[in-house]
Each structure stands twice: as C-alpha cells, then as structure tokens.
Amino acid sequence: MEPLARKKCVPCEGSTPPLNHSKNLEYLKQINQWELEEDRAIEKTYLFKDFAAAMKFLNEVARIAEEESHHPDFCLRGWNKVTIRLSTHAVGGLSENDFILAAKIDEILPKT
C-alpha cells in the first residue's frame, strides 16, 4: 500500500460520499496522533518553541495545501499553539484527501 504522504489529493464532487467510520479508523492508523471528530473531521494541535516557529510551520502548511488544492482550517492560539482541522466540505465529512494532507503536514515537522 502506498503511504498517504506519497499520494496526491484529487478533486471531490458533491456526489462523492464521505468515508464511513471503518475507513476513517483505517486511515487514522496511518497518521500520527490526529483525533477523529465524529467522522466529520480530523484535528491535531501542535506546540512550538516560539511564535516564529509556529508561523514558519503555518506557512509551510499553506504551501502544501495550495500544492494539493486541499485547504485546512487552522488556528494560532497564544504565541505557539497551532490547531489544524481537516474535512472535505464538498462531501460533508472526511475524504481520503484529508488523511493525505494530514500525513504531509506531519512530515514537515522537525524530527526530535
């Protein structure tokens, strides 16, 4: 099976159904510590050492999102906490694209 981070997001149509619960759980195992929100979204919060690191991360997320044509909701709270929320609005829930983007986002974090 091809790793999610190596896949490309594909456009979804409104007639495409959202993923079912078992498929969401299967994909969730392939990404690092994202939380499933009632089969409608996945979410993860990242903490950074400072504001500049958080903004660098968000700028890289924006670059990847543009490249994939799949855009997350995100929030910078305080000076170092970034929450990313992914869902596919066109299908009213989750699509494979959300898990692909989550995997790509996790890859940009510095390894410790």
N, C-alpha and C. Protein backbone atom coordinates (compact mmCIF):
# COMPACT_ATOMS: atom_id res chain seq x y z
N MET A 1 0.84 -1.17 0.00
CA MET A 1 0.00 0.00 0.00
C MET A 1 0.89 1.25 0.00
N GLU A 2 0.56 2.20 -0.86
CA GLU A 2 1.33 3.43 -0.96
C GLU A 2 1.09 4.29 0.29
N PRO A 3 2.17 4.83 0.91
CA PRO A 3 1.98 5.70 2.07
C PRO A 3 1.15 6.93 1.71
N LEU A 4 0.32 7.37 2.63
CA LEU A 4 -0.55 8.50 2.38
C LEU A 4 0.23 9.75 1.97
N ALA A 5 1.38 9.98 2.58
CA ALA A 5 2.16 11.19 2.28
C ALA A 5 2.69 11.20 0.85
N ARG A 6 2.67 10.07 0.16
CA ARG A 6 3.16 10.00 -1.22
C ARG A 6 2.03 10.13 -2.24
N LYS A 7 0.80 10.13 -1.75
CA LYS A 7 -0.36 10.27 -2.64
C LYS A 7 -0.63 11.74 -2.92
N LYS A 8 -1.47 11.99 -3.92
CA LYS A 8 -1.89 13.34 -4.27
C LYS A 8 -3.39 13.47 -4.00
N CYS A 9 -3.79 14.63 -3.53
CA CYS A 9 -5.22 14.90 -3.35
C CYS A 9 -5.89 15.01 -4.71
N VAL A 10 -7.11 14.51 -4.78
CA VAL A 10 -7.88 14.58 -6.02
C VAL A 10 -9.17 15.35 -5.75
N PRO A 11 -9.65 16.11 -6.73
CA PRO A 11 -10.88 16.89 -6.51
C PRO A 11 -12.06 15.98 -6.16
N CYS A 12 -12.87 16.43 -5.23
CA CYS A 12 -14.08 15.70 -4.83
C CYS A 12 -15.29 16.43 -5.38
N GLU A 13 -16.27 15.66 -5.77
CA GLU A 13 -17.55 16.20 -6.23
C GLU A 13 -18.56 16.09 -5.09
N GLY A 14 -19.59 16.89 -5.15
CA GLY A 14 -20.65 16.84 -4.15
C GLY A 14 -21.36 15.50 -4.11
N SER A 15 -21.30 14.74 -5.20
CA SER A 15 -21.96 13.44 -5.24
C SER A 15 -21.08 12.35 -4.62
N THR A 16 -19.84 12.66 -4.28
CA THR A 16 -18.95 11.71 -3.64
C THR A 16 -19.34 11.57 -2.18
N PRO A 17 -19.58 10.36 -1.70
CA PRO A 17 -19.97 10.22 -0.29
C PRO A 17 -18.75 10.37 0.63
N PRO A 18 -18.96 10.83 1.86
CA PRO A 18 -17.85 10.86 2.81
C PRO A 18 -17.45 9.43 3.18
N LEU A 19 -16.25 9.30 3.71
CA LEU A 19 -15.78 7.98 4.15
C LEU A 19 -16.62 7.48 5.32
N ASN A 20 -16.78 6.18 5.40
CA ASN A 20 -17.52 5.60 6.53
C ASN A 20 -16.59 5.45 7.74
N HIS A 21 -17.15 5.13 8.88
CA HIS A 21 -16.40 5.06 10.13
C HIS A 21 -15.23 4.08 10.07
N SER A 22 -15.45 2.90 9.52
CA SER A 22 -14.37 1.91 9.49
C SER A 22 -13.21 2.38 8.60
N LYS A 23 -13.52 3.04 7.49
CA LYS A 23 -12.46 3.57 6.62
C LYS A 23 -11.71 4.70 7.32
N ASN A 24 -12.44 5.56 8.04
CA ASN A 24 -11.79 6.63 8.80
C ASN A 24 -10.81 6.05 9.82
N LEU A 25 -11.23 4.99 10.52
CA LEU A 25 -10.36 4.37 11.51
C LEU A 25 -9.13 3.74 10.85
N GLU A 26 -9.32 3.16 9.69
CA GLU A 26 -8.20 2.56 8.95
C GLU A 26 -7.18 3.63 8.58
N TYR A 27 -7.65 4.75 8.04
CA TYR A 27 -6.75 5.85 7.68
C TYR A 27 -6.12 6.50 8.92
N LEU A 28 -6.88 6.60 10.00
CA LEU A 28 -6.39 7.22 11.22
C LEU A 28 -5.14 6.51 11.74
N LYS A 29 -5.07 5.20 11.55
CA LYS A 29 -3.90 4.43 11.97
C LYS A 29 -2.64 4.80 11.19
N GLN A 30 -2.81 5.44 10.04
CA GLN A 30 -1.68 5.77 9.17
C GLN A 30 -1.15 7.19 9.38
N ILE A 31 -1.77 7.94 10.28
CA ILE A 31 -1.30 9.29 10.58
C ILE A 31 -0.99 9.39 12.06
N ASN A 32 -0.20 10.38 12.43
CA ASN A 32 0.37 10.46 13.76
C ASN A 32 -0.46 11.30 14.73
N GLN A 33 -1.24 10.65 15.57
CA GLN A 33 -1.94 11.26 16.70
C GLN A 33 -2.96 12.34 16.32
N TRP A 34 -3.63 12.16 15.20
CA TRP A 34 -4.75 13.03 14.86
C TRP A 34 -5.98 12.47 15.55
N GLU A 35 -6.92 13.35 15.89
CA GLU A 35 -8.15 12.93 16.56
C GLU A 35 -9.31 12.98 15.58
N LEU A 36 -10.12 11.93 15.62
CA LEU A 36 -11.31 11.84 14.79
C LEU A 36 -12.45 12.56 15.50
N GLU A 37 -13.08 13.49 14.81
CA GLU A 37 -14.18 14.27 15.38
C GLU A 37 -15.49 13.81 14.74
N GLU A 38 -16.12 12.81 15.34
CA GLU A 38 -17.44 12.30 14.92
C GLU A 38 -17.54 12.00 13.43
N ASP A 39 -16.49 11.45 12.84
CA ASP A 39 -16.46 11.07 11.43
C ASP A 39 -16.69 12.26 10.48
N ARG A 40 -16.55 13.47 10.98
CA ARG A 40 -16.76 14.66 10.15
C ARG A 40 -15.47 15.42 9.89
N ALA A 41 -14.46 15.22 10.77
CA ALA A 41 -13.21 15.96 10.65
C ALA A 41 -12.13 15.24 11.43
N ILE A 42 -10.88 15.60 11.14
CA ILE A 42 -9.75 15.18 11.97
C ILE A 42 -9.05 16.45 12.41
N GLU A 43 -8.44 16.38 13.60
CA GLU A 43 -7.85 17.57 14.18
C GLU A 43 -6.60 17.20 14.97
N LYS A 44 -5.64 18.13 14.96
CA LYS A 44 -4.42 17.94 15.73
C LYS A 44 -3.89 19.30 16.15
N THR A 45 -3.35 19.36 17.38
CA THR A 45 -2.73 20.58 17.88
C THR A 45 -1.23 20.36 18.02
N TYR A 46 -0.48 21.33 17.55
CA TYR A 46 0.98 21.31 17.59
C TYR A 46 1.45 22.44 18.50
N LEU A 47 2.49 22.18 19.29
CA LEU A 47 3.11 23.20 20.13
C LEU A 47 4.51 23.50 19.59
N PHE A 48 4.87 24.78 19.60
CA PHE A 48 6.17 25.21 19.07
C PHE A 48 6.93 25.99 20.13
N LYS A 49 8.24 26.11 19.93
CA LYS A 49 9.08 26.78 20.92
C LYS A 49 8.83 28.29 20.97
N ASP A 50 8.37 28.85 19.85
CA ASP A 50 8.12 30.28 19.82
C ASP A 50 7.19 30.64 18.65
N PHE A 51 6.80 31.90 18.60
CA PHE A 51 5.89 32.40 17.57
C PHE A 51 6.46 32.21 16.17
N ALA A 52 7.74 32.50 16.00
CA ALA A 52 8.36 32.38 14.67
C ALA A 52 8.29 30.94 14.15
N ALA A 53 8.52 29.97 15.02
CA ALA A 53 8.46 28.56 14.61
C ALA A 53 7.03 28.18 14.23
N ALA A 54 6.05 28.67 14.99
CA ALA A 54 4.65 28.39 14.68
C ALA A 54 4.27 28.97 13.32
N MET A 55 4.71 30.20 13.05
CA MET A 55 4.39 30.85 11.78
C MET A 55 5.12 30.18 10.61
N LYS A 56 6.33 29.74 10.83
CA LYS A 56 7.06 29.01 9.78
C LYS A 56 6.30 27.73 9.42
N PHE A 57 5.82 27.03 10.43
CA PHE A 57 5.03 25.83 10.22
C PHE A 57 3.76 26.14 9.43
N LEU A 58 3.02 27.18 9.85
CA LEU A 58 1.78 27.54 9.15
C LEU A 58 2.03 27.93 7.70
N ASN A 59 3.11 28.62 7.44
CA ASN A 59 3.44 28.98 6.05
C ASN A 59 3.74 27.74 5.22
N GLU A 60 4.38 26.76 5.81
CA GLU A 60 4.66 25.52 5.09
C GLU A 60 3.37 24.72 4.88
N VAL A 61 2.49 24.72 5.86
CA VAL A 61 1.18 24.07 5.70
C VAL A 61 0.43 24.74 4.54
N ALA A 62 0.46 26.05 4.49
CA ALA A 62 -0.22 26.78 3.41
C ALA A 62 0.36 26.41 2.05
N ARG A 63 1.67 26.27 1.97
CA ARG A 63 2.31 25.90 0.70
C ARG A 63 1.84 24.52 0.24
N ILE A 64 1.83 23.57 1.16
CA ILE A 64 1.41 22.21 0.83
C ILE A 64 -0.08 22.20 0.45
N ALA A 65 -0.90 22.93 1.19
CA ALA A 65 -2.33 22.97 0.91
C ALA A 65 -2.59 23.52 -0.49
N GLU A 66 -1.88 24.55 -0.88
CA GLU A 66 -2.02 25.10 -2.23
C GLU A 66 -1.58 24.09 -3.28
N GLU A 67 -0.47 23.42 -3.01
CA GLU A 67 0.06 22.40 -3.93
C GLU A 67 -0.95 21.28 -4.13
N GLU A 68 -1.65 20.92 -3.07
CA GLU A 68 -2.61 19.81 -3.11
C GLU A 68 -4.03 20.27 -3.44
N SER A 69 -4.26 21.57 -3.49
CA SER A 69 -5.61 22.13 -3.69
C SER A 69 -6.61 21.57 -2.68
N HIS A 70 -6.14 21.45 -1.46
CA HIS A 70 -6.99 20.98 -0.35
C HIS A 70 -6.59 21.79 0.87
N HIS A 71 -7.51 22.58 1.38
CA HIS A 71 -7.16 23.61 2.36
C HIS A 71 -7.75 23.33 3.73
N PRO A 72 -6.91 23.32 4.76
CA PRO A 72 -7.38 23.06 6.12
C PRO A 72 -7.92 24.32 6.78
N ASP A 73 -8.63 24.13 7.86
CA ASP A 73 -8.93 25.22 8.78
C ASP A 73 -7.81 25.17 9.81
N PHE A 74 -7.31 26.33 10.22
CA PHE A 74 -6.30 26.33 11.25
C PHE A 74 -6.44 27.55 12.14
N CYS A 75 -5.85 27.42 13.33
CA CYS A 75 -5.94 28.49 14.32
C CYS A 75 -4.61 28.57 15.06
N LEU A 76 -4.07 29.77 15.17
CA LEU A 76 -2.89 30.03 16.00
C LEU A 76 -3.41 30.63 17.30
N ARG A 77 -3.18 29.94 18.41
CA ARG A 77 -3.62 30.42 19.72
C ARG A 77 -2.40 30.75 20.56
N GLY A 78 -2.54 31.82 21.29
CA GLY A 78 -1.39 32.25 22.08
C GLY A 78 -0.27 32.61 21.13
N TRP A 79 0.89 32.20 21.44
CA TRP A 79 2.02 32.53 20.58
C TRP A 79 2.70 31.29 20.01
N ASN A 80 2.23 30.10 20.42
CA ASN A 80 2.96 28.90 19.99
C ASN A 80 2.10 27.66 19.78
N LYS A 81 0.79 27.79 19.75
CA LYS A 81 -0.09 26.63 19.63
C LYS A 81 -0.89 26.73 18.33
N VAL A 82 -0.72 25.73 17.46
CA VAL A 82 -1.42 25.70 16.18
C VAL A 82 -2.33 24.48 16.14
N THR A 83 -3.61 24.70 15.85
CA THR A 83 -4.54 23.60 15.67
C THR A 83 -4.94 23.55 14.20
N ILE A 84 -4.83 22.36 13.61
CA ILE A 84 -5.21 22.12 12.22
C ILE A 84 -6.44 21.23 12.24
N ARG A 85 -7.44 21.59 11.47
CA ARG A 85 -8.67 20.79 11.34
C ARG A 85 -8.91 20.53 9.86
N LEU A 86 -9.10 19.27 9.53
CA LEU A 86 -9.30 18.86 8.15
C LEU A 86 -10.65 18.18 7.96
N SER A 87 -11.33 18.57 6.91
CA SER A 87 -12.56 17.91 6.45
C SER A 87 -12.74 18.31 4.99
N THR A 88 -13.59 17.59 4.31
CA THR A 88 -13.86 17.90 2.91
C THR A 88 -15.27 18.45 2.82
N HIS A 89 -15.37 19.76 2.69
CA HIS A 89 -16.67 20.43 2.71
C HIS A 89 -17.57 19.93 1.57
N ALA A 90 -16.99 19.62 0.42
CA ALA A 90 -17.78 19.19 -0.74
C ALA A 90 -18.53 17.87 -0.49
N VAL A 91 -18.00 17.03 0.42
CA VAL A 91 -18.67 15.75 0.68
C VAL A 91 -19.36 15.74 2.05
N GLY A 92 -19.20 16.81 2.81
CA GLY A 92 -19.85 16.89 4.12
C GLY A 92 -19.25 15.95 5.15
N GLY A 93 -17.97 15.71 5.06
CA GLY A 93 -17.30 14.81 6.00
C GLY A 93 -15.85 14.63 5.61
N LEU A 94 -15.35 13.43 5.80
CA LEU A 94 -13.96 13.14 5.50
C LEU A 94 -13.81 12.42 4.17
N SER A 95 -12.73 12.76 3.48
CA SER A 95 -12.34 12.05 2.27
C SER A 95 -10.88 11.63 2.44
N GLU A 96 -10.41 10.80 1.53
CA GLU A 96 -9.00 10.39 1.59
C GLU A 96 -8.08 11.61 1.56
N ASN A 97 -8.49 12.69 0.90
CA ASN A 97 -7.68 13.90 0.83
C ASN A 97 -7.30 14.43 2.21
N ASP A 98 -8.21 14.34 3.15
CA ASP A 98 -7.93 14.84 4.50
C ASP A 98 -6.79 14.07 5.15
N PHE A 99 -6.78 12.78 4.97
CA PHE A 99 -5.74 11.95 5.56
C PHE A 99 -4.41 12.12 4.81
N ILE A 100 -4.48 12.32 3.50
CA ILE A 100 -3.28 12.60 2.71
C ILE A 100 -2.64 13.89 3.21
N LEU A 101 -3.44 14.94 3.35
CA LEU A 101 -2.90 16.22 3.80
C LEU A 101 -2.36 16.13 5.22
N ALA A 102 -3.04 15.40 6.10
CA ALA A 102 -2.55 15.21 7.47
C ALA A 102 -1.17 14.55 7.46
N ALA A 103 -1.00 13.53 6.64
CA ALA A 103 0.29 12.83 6.56
C ALA A 103 1.37 13.77 6.03
N LYS A 104 1.05 14.58 5.06
CA LYS A 104 2.02 15.53 4.50
C LYS A 104 2.38 16.60 5.53
N ILE A 105 1.41 17.06 6.30
CA ILE A 105 1.68 18.05 7.34
C ILE A 105 2.61 17.47 8.39
N ASP A 106 2.36 16.25 8.82
CA ASP A 106 3.22 15.62 9.82
C ASP A 106 4.66 15.47 9.34
N GLU A 107 4.85 15.33 8.05
CA GLU A 107 6.21 15.17 7.50
C GLU A 107 7.04 16.44 7.60
N ILE A 108 6.43 17.60 7.71
CA ILE A 108 7.20 18.84 7.72
C ILE A 108 7.71 19.21 9.11
N LEU A 109 7.28 18.49 10.13
CA LEU A 109 7.74 18.79 11.48
C LEU A 109 9.19 18.35 11.65
N PRO A 110 9.97 19.13 12.39
CA PRO A 110 11.35 18.71 12.65
C PRO A 110 11.36 17.42 13.48
N LYS A 111 12.25 16.54 13.14
CA LYS A 111 12.39 15.27 13.89
C LYS A 111 13.20 15.53 15.14
N THR A 112 12.68 15.01 16.28
CA THR A 112 13.41 15.21 17.55
C THR A 112 13.88 13.90 18.10
